[in-house]
C-alpha atoms as a PDB file:
ATOM      1  CA  UNK A   1     -28.979 -19.110  -6.898  1.00  0.00           C
ATOM      2  CA  UNK A   2     -29.008 -15.733  -9.039  1.00  0.00           C
ATOM      3  CA  UNK A   3     -25.575 -14.071  -9.992  1.00  0.00           C
ATOM      4  CA  UNK A   4     -26.028  -9.832  -8.212  1.00  0.00           C
ATOM      5  CA  UNK A   5     -25.555  -7.740  -9.917  1.00  0.00           C
ATOM      6  CA  UNK A   6     -22.650  -4.913  -9.658  1.00  0.00           C
ATOM      7  CA  UNK A   7     -23.416  -2.368  -7.073  1.00  0.00           C
ATOM      8  CA  UNK A   8     -23.005   0.090  -9.886  1.00  0.00           C
ATOM      9  CA  UNK A   9     -23.868  -0.182 -13.551  1.00  0.00           C
ATOM     10  CA  UNK A  10     -23.039   0.556 -17.044  1.00  0.00           C
ATOM     11  CA  UNK A  11     -24.113   0.125 -20.236  1.00  0.00           C
ATOM     12  CA  UNK A  12     -21.852  -3.036 -20.297  1.00  0.00           C
ATOM     13  CA  UNK A  13     -24.037  -4.546 -17.461  1.00  0.00           C
ATOM     14  CA  UNK A  14     -27.157  -4.005 -19.517  1.00  0.00           C
ATOM     15  CA  UNK A  15     -28.498  -1.927 -22.282  1.00  0.00           C
ATOM     16  CA  UNK A  16     -28.804   1.995 -21.827  1.00  0.00           C
ATOM     17  CA  UNK A  17     -32.817   2.079 -22.341  1.00  0.00           C
ATOM     18  CA  UNK A  18     -32.998  -0.613 -19.317  1.00  0.00           C
ATOM     19  CA  UNK A  19     -30.824   1.541 -16.634  1.00  0.00           C
ATOM     20  CA  UNK A  20     -32.523   4.700 -18.139  1.00  0.00           C
ATOM     21  CA  UNK A  21     -35.818   3.509 -17.471  1.00  0.00           C
ATOM     22  CA  UNK A  22     -34.872   2.243 -14.408  1.00  0.00           C
ATOM     23  CA  UNK A  23     -34.016   5.677 -13.468  1.00  0.00           C
ATOM     24  CA  UNK A  24     -37.128   7.105 -14.513  1.00  0.00           C
ATOM     25  CA  UNK A  25     -38.813   4.456 -12.279  1.00  0.00           C
ATOM     26  CA  UNK A  26     -37.020   5.556  -9.341  1.00  0.00           C
ATOM     27  CA  UNK A  27     -35.153   1.869  -9.397  1.00  0.00           C
ATOM     28  CA  UNK A  28     -31.733   3.780  -9.847  1.00  0.00           C
ATOM     29  CA  UNK A  29     -29.781   7.205  -9.266  1.00  0.00           C
ATOM     30  CA  UNK A  30     -26.856   8.451 -11.425  1.00  0.00           C
ATOM     31  CA  UNK A  31     -23.132   8.052 -10.029  1.00  0.00           C
ATOM     32  CA  UNK A  32     -20.957   9.478 -12.798  1.00  0.00           C
ATOM     33  CA  UNK A  33     -21.661   7.991 -16.013  1.00  0.00           C
ATOM     34  CA  UNK A  34     -22.933   4.723 -14.598  1.00  0.00           C
ATOM     35  CA  UNK A  35     -26.412   4.092 -12.285  1.00  0.00           C
ATOM     36  CA  UNK A  36     -26.769   2.238  -8.716  1.00  0.00           C
ATOM     37  CA  UNK A  37     -29.740   1.225  -6.786  1.00  0.00           C
ATOM     38  CA  UNK A  38     -31.461   3.281  -4.773  1.00  0.00           C
ATOM     39  CA  UNK A  39     -31.035   1.739  -1.638  1.00  0.00           C
ATOM     40  CA  UNK A  40     -26.816   2.073  -2.334  1.00  0.00           C
ATOM     41  CA  UNK A  41     -25.562   4.003  -0.282  1.00  0.00           C
ATOM     42  CA  UNK A  42     -22.751   6.482  -2.624  1.00  0.00           C
ATOM     43  CA  UNK A  43     -19.215   5.560  -1.137  1.00  0.00           C
ATOM     44  CA  UNK A  44     -15.995   6.416  -3.050  1.00  0.00           C
ATOM     45  CA  UNK A  45     -15.881   2.361  -3.826  1.00  0.00           C
ATOM     46  CA  UNK A  46     -19.146   3.523  -5.926  1.00  0.00           C
ATOM     47  CA  UNK A  47     -17.217   6.389  -7.475  1.00  0.00           C
ATOM     48  CA  UNK A  48     -13.907   4.017  -8.399  1.00  0.00           C
ATOM     49  CA  UNK A  49     -16.340   1.818 -10.135  1.00  0.00           C
ATOM     50  CA  UNK A  50     -18.222   4.405 -12.115  1.00  0.00           C
ATOM     51  CA  UNK A  51     -15.215   5.843 -13.734  1.00  0.00           C
ATOM     52  CA  UNK A  52     -13.375   2.759 -14.450  1.00  0.00           C
ATOM     53  CA  UNK A  53     -16.593   1.136 -16.015  1.00  0.00           C
ATOM     54  CA  UNK A  54     -16.054   4.535 -18.259  1.00  0.00           C
ATOM     55  CA  UNK A  55     -12.994   3.146 -19.009  1.00  0.00           C
ATOM     56  CA  UNK A  56     -14.087  -0.696 -19.743  1.00  0.00           C
ATOM     57  CA  UNK A  57     -13.859  -1.978 -23.059  1.00  0.00           C
ATOM     58  CA  UNK A  58     -15.884  -4.325 -25.344  1.00  0.00           C
ATOM     59  CA  UNK A  59     -12.979  -6.730 -23.526  1.00  0.00           C
ATOM     60  CA  UNK A  60     -13.882  -5.702 -20.254  1.00  0.00           C
ATOM     61  CA  UNK A  61     -12.044  -3.694 -17.462  1.00  0.00           C
ATOM     62  CA  UNK A  62      -8.658  -2.949 -17.725  1.00  0.00           C
ATOM     63  CA  UNK A  63      -6.704  -3.217 -14.434  1.00  0.00           C
ATOM     64  CA  UNK A  64      -3.677  -1.414 -15.278  1.00  0.00           C
ATOM     65  CA  UNK A  65      -5.487   1.901 -15.414  1.00  0.00           C
ATOM     66  CA  UNK A  66      -5.250   4.524 -12.720  1.00  0.00           C
ATOM     67  CA  UNK A  67      -7.739   6.673 -11.833  1.00  0.00           C
ATOM     68  CA  UNK A  68      -5.825  10.472 -11.347  1.00  0.00           C
ATOM     69  CA  UNK A  69      -6.309  13.920 -10.973  1.00  0.00           C
ATOM     70  CA  UNK A  70      -9.806  15.192 -11.119  1.00  0.00           C
ATOM     71  CA  UNK A  71     -11.612  11.402 -11.469  1.00  0.00           C
ATOM     72  CA  UNK A  72      -9.292  10.976  -8.272  1.00  0.00           C
ATOM     73  CA  UNK A  73     -10.229  13.641  -6.446  1.00  0.00           C
ATOM     74  CA  UNK A  74     -13.912  12.829  -7.208  1.00  0.00           C
ATOM     75  CA  UNK A  75     -13.472   9.509  -6.346  1.00  0.00           C
ATOM     76  CA  UNK A  76     -11.698  10.227  -2.750  1.00  0.00           C
ATOM     77  CA  UNK A  77     -14.862  12.895  -2.249  1.00  0.00           C
ATOM     78  CA  UNK A  78     -12.990  16.049  -2.707  1.00  0.00           C
ATOM     79  CA  UNK A  79     -15.271  17.101  -5.736  1.00  0.00           C
ATOM     80  CA  UNK A  80     -19.108  17.216  -5.801  1.00  0.00           C
ATOM     81  CA  UNK A  81     -19.601  15.911  -9.369  1.00  0.00           C
ATOM     82  CA  UNK A  82     -17.733  13.314 -11.464  1.00  0.00           C
ATOM     83  CA  UNK A  83     -15.346  15.274 -14.221  1.00  0.00           C
ATOM     84  CA  UNK A  84     -16.885  15.403 -17.617  1.00  0.00           C
ATOM     85  CA  UNK A  85     -13.967  13.684 -19.033  1.00  0.00           C
ATOM     86  CA  UNK A  86     -11.857  11.050 -16.946  1.00  0.00           C
ATOM     87  CA  UNK A  87      -8.519  11.277 -16.089  1.00  0.00           C
ATOM     88  CA  UNK A  88      -6.662   7.635 -16.089  1.00  0.00           C
ATOM     89  CA  UNK A  89      -2.897   6.716 -16.257  1.00  0.00           C
ATOM     90  CA  UNK A  90      -0.952   3.640 -16.851  1.00  0.00           C
ATOM     91  CA  UNK A  91       2.672   2.810 -15.092  1.00  0.00           C
ATOM     92  CA  UNK A  92       5.129   3.758 -18.018  1.00  0.00           C
ATOM     93  CA  UNK A  93       6.237   1.044 -18.785  1.00  0.00           C
ATOM     94  CA  UNK A  94       2.722  -0.215 -19.741  1.00  0.00           C
ATOM     95  CA  UNK A  95       1.133   0.733 -22.696  1.00  0.00           C
ATOM     96  CA  UNK A  96      -2.178   2.843 -22.115  1.00  0.00           C
ATOM     97  CA  UNK A  97      -5.620   0.726 -23.309  1.00  0.00           C
ATOM     98  CA  UNK A  98      -7.147   1.287 -26.888  1.00  0.00           C
ATOM     99  CA  UNK A  99     -10.432   1.328 -28.216  1.00  0.00           C
ATOM    100  CA  UNK A 100     -11.059   3.927 -24.971  1.00  0.00           C
ATOM    101  CA  UNK A 101     -14.415   6.498 -25.611  1.00  0.00           C
ATOM    102  CA  UNK A 102     -13.551  10.113 -25.854  1.00  0.00           C
ATOM    103  CA  UNK A 103     -14.336  10.616 -22.337  1.00  0.00           C
ATOM    104  CA  UNK A 104     -11.255   9.554 -20.709  1.00  0.00           C
ATOM    105  CA  UNK A 105      -8.072  10.302 -21.711  1.00  0.00           C
ATOM    106  CA  UNK A 106      -4.690   8.040 -20.565  1.00  0.00           C
ATOM    107  CA  UNK A 107      -1.544   8.847 -19.504  1.00  0.00           C
ATOM    108  CA  UNK A 108       1.386   7.158 -19.344  1.00  0.00           C
ATOM    109  CA  UNK A 109       3.402   8.640 -15.635  1.00  0.00           C
ATOM    110  CA  UNK A 110       6.493   7.171 -13.355  1.00  0.00           C
ATOM    111  CA  UNK A 111       5.023   5.946 -10.300  1.00  0.00           C
ATOM    112  CA  UNK A 112       5.230   4.592  -7.207  1.00  0.00           C
ATOM    113  CA  UNK A 113       3.296   1.797  -5.846  1.00  0.00           C
ATOM    114  CA  UNK A 114       3.028   4.363  -2.825  1.00  0.00           C
ATOM    115  CA  UNK A 115       1.488   6.469  -4.608  1.00  0.00           C
ATOM    116  CA  UNK A 116      -1.377   3.909  -5.653  1.00  0.00           C
ATOM    117  CA  UNK A 117      -4.318   3.055  -3.619  1.00  0.00           C
ATOM    118  CA  UNK A 118      -7.191   0.419  -3.825  1.00  0.00           C
ATOM    119  CA  UNK A 119     -10.433   1.330  -4.112  1.00  0.00           C
ATOM    120  CA  UNK A 120     -13.417  -0.909  -4.250  1.00  0.00           C
ATOM    121  CA  UNK A 121     -11.187  -3.036  -6.068  1.00  0.00           C
ATOM    122  CA  UNK A 122      -9.598  -0.574  -8.553  1.00  0.00           C
ATOM    123  CA  UNK A 123      -6.619   1.533  -8.818  1.00  0.00           C
ATOM    124  CA  UNK A 124      -6.920   5.547  -7.625  1.00  0.00           C
ATOM    125  CA  UNK A 125      -4.084   7.776  -7.041  1.00  0.00           C
ATOM    126  CA  UNK A 126      -3.492   8.300  -3.455  1.00  0.00           C
ATOM    127  CA  UNK A 127      -4.432  11.520  -2.006  1.00  0.00           C
ATOM    128  CA  UNK A 128      -0.619  13.171  -1.769  1.00  0.00           C
ATOM    129  CA  UNK A 129       0.060  11.918  -5.635  1.00  0.00           C
ATOM    130  CA  UNK A 130      -3.735  13.942  -6.494  1.00  0.00           C
ATOM    131  CA  UNK A 131      -3.006  16.939  -4.705  1.00  0.00           C
ATOM    132  CA  UNK A 132       0.286  17.400  -6.432  1.00  0.00           C
ATOM    133  CA  UNK A 133      -0.621  16.225 -10.101  1.00  0.00           C
ATOM    134  CA  UNK A 134      -3.675  19.035  -9.747  1.00  0.00           C
ATOM    135  CA  UNK A 135      -1.098  21.999  -8.471  1.00  0.00           C
ATOM    136  CA  UNK A 136       1.017  20.544 -11.332  1.00  0.00           C
ATOM    137  CA  UNK A 137      -0.984  20.250 -14.176  1.00  0.00           C
ATOM    138  CA  UNK A 138      -4.476  21.877 -13.879  1.00  0.00           C
ATOM    139  CA  UNK A 139      -5.287  24.660 -16.227  1.00  0.00           C
ATOM    140  CA  UNK A 140      -8.199  25.587 -14.072  1.00  0.00           C
ATOM    141  CA  UNK A 141      -6.415  25.939 -10.614  1.00  0.00           C
ATOM    142  CA  UNK A 142      -7.681  29.260 -10.058  1.00  0.00           C
ATOM    143  CA  UNK A 143     -10.731  27.968 -10.387  1.00  0.00           C
ATOM    144  CA  UNK A 144     -12.454  24.798  -9.349  1.00  0.00           C
ATOM    145  CA  UNK A 145      -9.324  22.927  -8.528  1.00  0.00           C
ATOM    146  CA  UNK A 146      -8.078  24.970  -6.189  1.00  0.00           C
ATOM    147  CA  UNK A 147     -10.581  24.524  -3.966  1.00  0.00           C
ATOM    148  CA  UNK A 148     -11.150  20.302  -4.820  1.00  0.00           C
ATOM    149  CA  UNK A 149      -6.852  20.523  -3.585  1.00  0.00           C
ATOM    150  CA  UNK A 150      -7.818  22.589  -0.479  1.00  0.00           C
ATOM    151  CA  UNK A 151     -10.456  19.956   0.352  1.00  0.00           C
ATOM    152  CA  UNK A 152      -8.815  16.931  -0.544  1.00  0.00           C
ATOM    153  CA  UNK A 153      -5.455  18.693   2.056  1.00  0.00           C
ATOM    154  CA  UNK A 154      -8.559  18.971   4.388  1.00  0.00           C
ATOM    155  CA  UNK A 155     -10.234  15.764   4.293  1.00  0.00           C
ATOM    156  CA  UNK A 156      -7.101  13.543   4.216  1.00  0.00           C
ATOM    157  CA  UNK A 157      -5.186  15.986   6.903  1.00  0.00           C
ATOM    158  CA  UNK A 158      -2.067  16.565   4.641  1.00  0.00           C
ATOM    159  CA  UNK A 159      -0.508  19.950   4.667  1.00  0.00           C
ATOM    160  CA  UNK A 160       1.866  22.348   2.705  1.00  0.00           C
ATOM    161  CA  UNK A 161       4.803  21.006   4.737  1.00  0.00           C
ATOM    162  CA  UNK A 162       4.060  17.316   3.788  1.00  0.00           C
ATOM    163  CA  UNK A 163       3.522  18.071  -0.286  1.00  0.00           C
ATOM    164  CA  UNK A 164       6.419  20.317  -0.482  1.00  0.00           C
ATOM    165  CA  UNK A 165       8.709  17.738   0.994  1.00  0.00           C
ATOM    166  CA  UNK A 166       7.079  15.244  -1.389  1.00  0.00           C
ATOM    167  CA  UNK A 167       7.716  17.188  -4.208  1.00  0.00           C
ATOM    168  CA  UNK A 168      11.365  18.472  -3.305  1.00  0.00           C
ATOM    169  CA  UNK A 169      12.847  15.106  -3.260  1.00  0.00           C
ATOM    170  CA  UNK A 170      11.922  14.331  -6.231  1.00  0.00           C
ATOM    171  CA  UNK A 171      14.647  14.706  -8.940  1.00  0.00           C
ATOM    172  CA  UNK A 172      13.340  16.480 -12.872  1.00  0.00           C
ATOM    173  CA  UNK A 173       9.528  16.598 -11.811  1.00  0.00           C
ATOM    174  CA  UNK A 174       7.830  19.105 -14.000  1.00  0.00           C
ATOM    175  CA  UNK A 175       5.922  21.328 -13.126  1.00  0.00           C
ATOM    176  CA  UNK A 176       7.748  21.254  -9.579  1.00  0.00           C
ATOM    177  CA  UNK A 177       8.404  25.522  -8.669  1.00  0.00           C
ATOM    178  CA  UNK A 178       4.371  26.044  -9.803  1.00  0.00           C
ATOM    179  CA  UNK A 179       2.675  23.095  -7.998  1.00  0.00           C
ATOM    180  CA  UNK A 180       4.952  24.566  -5.080  1.00  0.00           C
ATOM    181  CA  UNK A 181       3.164  28.370  -5.449  1.00  0.00           C
ATOM    182  CA  UNK A 182      -0.085  26.934  -5.895  1.00  0.00           C
ATOM    183  CA  UNK A 183      -0.127  24.618  -2.555  1.00  0.00           C
ATOM    184  CA  UNK A 184       1.582  27.883  -0.631  1.00  0.00           C
ATOM    185  CA  UNK A 185      -2.311  29.449  -1.272  1.00  0.00           C
ATOM    186  CA  UNK A 186      -4.284  26.271  -0.450  1.00  0.00           C
END
């Protein structure tokens, strides 16, 4: 039985020239930095695979990596377009991957297992964690990130009160006040 290709292809699956040729022939479409067959319906699992494919090294996927912030918002469907720069994190007691492309940033974070979801076999911050992180760290919150957060809050059914409870229960959380101010306007 022939082996089936993944639902999202990257240069680790096929050479770039073949991927682009198949796209030009109408056999594939772009999904983030990956490609999917035209008979696939884009879902969050495809977007998660595309984000993690960008971070795959010559040794393969690093399953310690967790998609976060704008990357996670795109996976959850709160952004229409994939971010140019993928944002990933690892649990603070592990080390980030080496040999990652420039289009990927990895930071060490304190995160509980309850703040991590699995989408298509890949780790992603939950919608609540994604909302709070964007409110805390975004340098473009008055622009596109505010609408991304509002959209994610609506899609996930998360109100300001729930965000406020989660933020205030944490001690020593950098950007706490800024996040509350920003979220109160969403």
